[in-house]
C-alpha atoms as a PDB file:
ATOM      1  CA  MET A   1     123.412 102.078  85.377  1.00  0.00           C
ATOM      2  CA  ASP A   2     126.275  99.610  85.007  1.00  0.00           C
ATOM      3  CA  LYS A   3     127.529  99.488  81.389  1.00  0.00           C
ATOM      4  CA  LYS A   4     127.623  95.685  81.400  1.00  0.00           C
ATOM      5  CA  TYR A   5     123.808  95.707  81.694  1.00  0.00           C
ATOM      6  CA  SER A   6     123.163  98.428  79.091  1.00  0.00           C
ATOM      7  CA  ASN A   7     121.864  95.959  76.450  1.00  0.00           C
ATOM      8  CA  TYR A   8     120.057  93.703  78.923  1.00  0.00           C
ATOM      9  CA  ASP A   9     116.760  92.253  77.699  1.00  0.00           C
ATOM     10  CA  LEU A  10     114.270  90.627  80.043  1.00  0.00           C
ATOM     11  CA  ASP A  11     113.981  86.920  79.421  1.00  0.00           C
ATOM     12  CA  ASN A  12     111.356  84.432  80.565  1.00  0.00           C
ATOM     13  CA  LEU A  13     113.143  83.818  83.897  1.00  0.00           C
ATOM     14  CA  ASP A  14     113.208  87.554  84.667  1.00  0.00           C
ATOM     15  CA  ILE A  15     109.493  87.811  83.894  1.00  0.00           C
ATOM     16  CA  GLN A  16     108.741  84.783  86.103  1.00  0.00           C
ATOM     17  CA  ILE A  17     110.762  86.310  88.959  1.00  0.00           C
ATOM     18  CA  LEU A  18     108.974  89.648  88.617  1.00  0.00           C
ATOM     19  CA  SER A  19     105.540  88.023  88.366  1.00  0.00           C
ATOM     20  CA  THR A  20     106.185  85.930  91.477  1.00  0.00           C
ATOM     21  CA  LEU A  21     107.300  88.965  93.482  1.00  0.00           C
ATOM     22  CA  MET A  22     104.431  91.101  92.207  1.00  0.00           C
ATOM     23  CA  ASP A  23     102.035  88.472  93.577  1.00  0.00           C
ATOM     24  CA  ASP A  24     103.833  88.375  96.943  1.00  0.00           C
ATOM     25  CA  ALA A  25     106.773  90.716  97.550  1.00  0.00           C
ATOM     26  CA  SER A  26     107.567  89.034 100.873  1.00  0.00           C
ATOM     27  CA  ILE A  27     108.479  85.670  99.321  1.00  0.00           C
ATOM     28  CA  PRO A  28     112.159  84.806  99.970  1.00  0.00           C
ATOM     29  CA  TYR A  29     114.541  84.470  97.026  1.00  0.00           C
ATOM     30  CA  THR A  30     115.213  80.855  98.045  1.00  0.00           C
ATOM     31  CA  GLU A  31     111.519  80.041  97.672  1.00  0.00           C
ATOM     32  CA  ILE A  32     111.415  81.696  94.256  1.00  0.00           C
ATOM     33  CA  ALA A  33     114.499  79.706  93.264  1.00  0.00           C
ATOM     34  CA  LYS A  34     112.854  76.416  94.278  1.00  0.00           C
ATOM     35  CA  LYS A  35     109.678  77.308  92.425  1.00  0.00           C
ATOM     36  CA  LEU A  36     111.560  78.248  89.241  1.00  0.00           C
ATOM     37  CA  ILE A  37     114.158  75.446  89.595  1.00  0.00           C
ATOM     38  CA  VAL A  38     117.242  77.694  89.668  1.00  0.00           C
ATOM     39  CA  SER A  39     119.753  78.627  92.361  1.00  0.00           C
ATOM     40  CA  GLY A  40     119.135  81.310  94.959  1.00  0.00           C
ATOM     41  CA  GLY A  41     122.232  83.067  93.647  1.00  0.00           C
ATOM     42  CA  THR A  42     120.654  83.287  90.191  1.00  0.00           C
ATOM     43  CA  ILE A  43     117.604  85.016  91.639  1.00  0.00           C
ATOM     44  CA  HIS A  44     119.822  87.413  93.590  1.00  0.00           C
ATOM     45  CA  VAL A  45     121.926  88.288  90.512  1.00  0.00           C
ATOM     46  CA  ARG A  46     118.851  88.778  88.313  1.00  0.00           C
ATOM     47  CA  MET A  47     117.192  91.006  90.921  1.00  0.00           C
ATOM     48  CA  LYS A  48     120.351  93.102  91.259  1.00  0.00           C
ATOM     49  CA  LYS A  49     120.497  93.564  87.477  1.00  0.00           C
ATOM     50  CA  MET A  50     116.839  94.588  87.293  1.00  0.00           C
ATOM     51  CA  GLU A  51     117.308  97.066  90.167  1.00  0.00           C
ATOM     52  CA  GLU A  52     120.345  98.610  88.478  1.00  0.00           C
ATOM     53  CA  LEU A  53     118.396  98.900  85.217  1.00  0.00           C
ATOM     54  CA  GLY A  54     115.553 100.682  87.012  1.00  0.00           C
ATOM     55  CA  ILE A  55     113.063  97.925  86.155  1.00  0.00           C
ATOM     56  CA  ILE A  56     112.530  97.396  89.869  1.00  0.00           C
ATOM     57  CA  LYS A  57     112.105 100.669  91.748  1.00  0.00           C
ATOM     58  CA  GLY A  58     112.023  99.095  95.199  1.00  0.00           C
ATOM     59  CA  SER A  59     109.515  97.315  97.374  1.00  0.00           C
ATOM     60  CA  GLN A  60     107.022  98.608  99.869  1.00  0.00           C
ATOM     61  CA  LEU A  61     104.610  97.657 102.571  1.00  0.00           C
ATOM     62  CA  ILE A  62     101.048  98.535 101.581  1.00  0.00           C
ATOM     63  CA  VAL A  63      98.896  99.874 104.407  1.00  0.00           C
ATOM     64  CA  ASN A  64      95.113 100.108 104.085  1.00  0.00           C
ATOM     65  CA  PRO A  65      94.532 103.832 104.800  1.00  0.00           C
ATOM     66  CA  GLN A  66      91.001 103.256 106.119  1.00  0.00           C
ATOM     67  CA  LYS A  67      92.254 100.784 108.738  1.00  0.00           C
ATOM     68  CA  VAL A  68      94.529 103.479 110.179  1.00  0.00           C
ATOM     69  CA  GLY A  69      91.965 106.278 110.220  1.00  0.00           C
ATOM     70  CA  PHE A  70      92.244 107.851 106.756  1.00  0.00           C
ATOM     71  CA  ASP A  71      88.706 107.561 105.382  1.00  0.00           C
ATOM     72  CA  ILE A  72      88.758 110.078 102.511  1.00  0.00           C
ATOM     73  CA  THR A  73      90.552 109.558  99.215  1.00  0.00           C
ATOM     74  CA  ALA A  74      90.270 112.397  96.735  1.00  0.00           C
ATOM     75  CA  PHE A  75      91.672 113.213  93.340  1.00  0.00           C
ATOM     76  CA  LEU A  76      92.726 116.750  92.713  1.00  0.00           C
ATOM     77  CA  GLY A  77      92.999 118.466  89.357  1.00  0.00           C
ATOM     78  CA  ILE A  78      95.514 121.268  89.764  1.00  0.00           C
ATOM     79  CA  TYR A  79      95.691 124.295  87.482  1.00  0.00           C
ATOM     80  CA  LEU A  80      99.026 126.124  87.480  1.00  0.00           C
ATOM     81  CA  GLU A  81      99.303 129.840  86.737  1.00  0.00           C
ATOM     82  CA  LYS A  82     102.109 128.987  84.270  1.00  0.00           C
ATOM     83  CA  GLY A  83     103.416 125.625  83.054  1.00  0.00           C
ATOM     84  CA  SER A  84     106.937 126.776  83.916  1.00  0.00           C
ATOM     85  CA  GLN A  85     105.973 126.597  87.620  1.00  0.00           C
ATOM     86  CA  TYR A  86     105.611 122.804  87.499  1.00  0.00           C
ATOM     87  CA  ALA A  87     108.982 121.934  89.084  1.00  0.00           C
ATOM     88  CA  ASP A  88     108.457 124.405  91.939  1.00  0.00           C
ATOM     89  CA  ALA A  89     104.923 123.126  92.522  1.00  0.00           C
ATOM     90  CA  VAL A  90     106.204 119.538  92.729  1.00  0.00           C
ATOM     91  CA  LYS A  91     108.789 120.545  95.343  1.00  0.00           C
ATOM     92  CA  GLN A  92     106.105 122.252  97.419  1.00  0.00           C
ATOM     93  CA  LEU A  93     103.600 119.401  97.083  1.00  0.00           C
ATOM     94  CA  GLN A  94     106.251 116.874  98.196  1.00  0.00           C
ATOM     95  CA  ASP A  95     106.108 118.489 101.630  1.00  0.00           C
ATOM     96  CA  ILE A  96     102.380 117.745 101.997  1.00  0.00           C
ATOM     97  CA  LYS A  97     102.213 114.197 103.379  1.00  0.00           C
ATOM     98  CA  GLU A  98      98.583 113.717 102.350  1.00  0.00           C
ATOM     99  CA  VAL A  99      99.612 113.907  98.671  1.00  0.00           C
ATOM    100  CA  VAL A 100     100.343 110.255  97.885  1.00  0.00           C
ATOM    101  CA  GLU A 101     100.541 110.486  94.062  1.00  0.00           C
ATOM    102  CA  LEU A 102     101.227 113.327  91.683  1.00  0.00           C
ATOM    103  CA  HIS A 103     101.150 113.283  87.896  1.00  0.00           C
ATOM    104  CA  TYR A 104     102.091 115.865  85.274  1.00  0.00           C
ATOM    105  CA  CYS A 105      99.382 115.402  82.673  1.00  0.00           C
ATOM    106  CA  THR A 106      97.759 116.506  79.474  1.00  0.00           C
ATOM    107  CA  GLY A 107      94.182 117.710  79.284  1.00  0.00           C
ATOM    108  CA  GLN A 108      92.499 120.399  81.297  1.00  0.00           C
ATOM    109  CA  TYR A 109      94.699 120.076  84.409  1.00  0.00           C
ATOM    110  CA  SER A 110      98.395 120.819  84.690  1.00  0.00           C
ATOM    111  CA  MET A 111      98.764 118.211  87.429  1.00  0.00           C
ATOM    112  CA  PHE A 112      96.619 115.487  88.906  1.00  0.00           C
ATOM    113  CA  ALA A 113      97.093 114.374  92.516  1.00  0.00           C
ATOM    114  CA  LYS A 114      95.743 111.673  94.789  1.00  0.00           C
ATOM    115  CA  ILE A 115      95.338 112.746  98.392  1.00  0.00           C
ATOM    116  CA  VAL A 116      94.339 110.770 101.465  1.00  0.00           C
ATOM    117  CA  CYS A 117      92.791 112.448 104.526  1.00  0.00           C
ATOM    118  CA  ARG A 118      91.212 111.404 107.824  1.00  0.00           C
ATOM    119  CA  ASP A 119      87.840 113.083 107.244  1.00  0.00           C
ATOM    120  CA  THR A 120      86.187 115.999 105.436  1.00  0.00           C
ATOM    121  CA  ALA A 121      87.535 118.564 107.918  1.00  0.00           C
ATOM    122  CA  HIS A 122      91.074 117.282 107.290  1.00  0.00           C
ATOM    123  CA  LEU A 123      90.438 117.366 103.519  1.00  0.00           C
ATOM    124  CA  ARG A 124      89.195 120.962 103.731  1.00  0.00           C
ATOM    125  CA  LYS A 125      92.321 121.980 105.684  1.00  0.00           C
ATOM    126  CA  VAL A 126      94.664 120.261 103.205  1.00  0.00           C
ATOM    127  CA  LEU A 127      92.910 121.874 100.242  1.00  0.00           C
ATOM    128  CA  ASN A 128      92.432 125.380 101.614  1.00  0.00           C
ATOM    129  CA  GLU A 129      95.488 125.888 103.793  1.00  0.00           C
ATOM    130  CA  ASP A 130      98.113 123.574 102.341  1.00  0.00           C
ATOM    131  CA  ILE A 131      97.573 123.135  98.603  1.00  0.00           C
ATOM    132  CA  GLN A 132      95.639 126.161  97.347  1.00  0.00           C
ATOM    133  CA  SER A 133      97.998 128.535  99.144  1.00  0.00           C
ATOM    134  CA  LEU A 134     101.057 127.251  97.278  1.00  0.00           C
ATOM    135  CA  THR A 135     102.892 129.588  94.924  1.00  0.00           C
ATOM    136  CA  GLY A 136     101.913 129.001  91.311  1.00  0.00           C
ATOM    137  CA  ILE A 137      98.702 127.086  91.934  1.00  0.00           C
ATOM    138  CA  GLN A 138      95.857 128.987  90.314  1.00  0.00           C
ATOM    139  CA  ARG A 139      92.985 126.729  91.400  1.00  0.00           C
ATOM    140  CA  THR A 140      92.020 123.114  92.012  1.00  0.00           C
ATOM    141  CA  GLU A 141      89.091 120.800  91.361  1.00  0.00           C
ATOM    142  CA  THR A 142      88.377 117.975  93.783  1.00  0.00           C
ATOM    143  CA  ILE A 143      86.811 114.594  93.079  1.00  0.00           C
ATOM    144  CA  ILE A 144      86.097 112.443  96.136  1.00  0.00           C
ATOM    145  CA  SER A 145      86.421 108.686  95.688  1.00  0.00           C
ATOM    146  CA  LEU A 146      83.527 106.700  97.122  1.00  0.00           C
ATOM    147  CA  GLU A 147      85.229 103.318  96.657  1.00  0.00           C
ATOM    148  CA  GLU A 148      88.401 101.904  95.135  1.00  0.00           C
ATOM    149  CA  SER A 149      87.230  98.974  93.041  1.00  0.00           C
ATOM    150  CA  ILE A 150      90.446  97.996  91.264  1.00  0.00           C
ATOM    151  CA  LYS A 151      94.078  98.565  92.218  1.00  0.00           C
ATOM    152  CA  ARG A 152      96.773  96.405  90.714  1.00  0.00           C
ATOM    153  CA  GLN A 153     100.163  96.252  89.077  1.00  0.00           C
ATOM    154  CA  ILE A 154     100.604  95.641  85.391  1.00  0.00           C
ATOM    155  CA  THR A 155     100.584  91.999  84.344  1.00  0.00           C
ATOM    156  CA  LEU A 156     103.754  90.682  82.701  1.00  0.00           C
END
């Protein structure tokens, strides 16, 4: 992080920029500038600052998994043999493309993952051959999602 931004506080303009982009990440900076009555350069500078501060982690295209043949979403509670194996387990799970989210958590599980698969046969293969065979994973518990009802960013 650049030292000149180390004491940077978000102001109302930053929040308006972020809110606009969270609604539609494809909107051009010039359009945001017109909407917020500032220059395009101001938007660019503010975005660069927020990226350098780690407030903005990047942008992404969101694909509907079901529309491209991935019909099963499951959540996986993962029990590790030892908590000290967490970092190694993360490295191994990163290589499994069906794992789309992974969280280190409190509670009964050591880790909690979201996985997306084509069908139940694909899910069984990912669970049995890919995940449960990893070093350090003691066992898993699977919860299959029947429907995603809410998915959103935080509101600023």
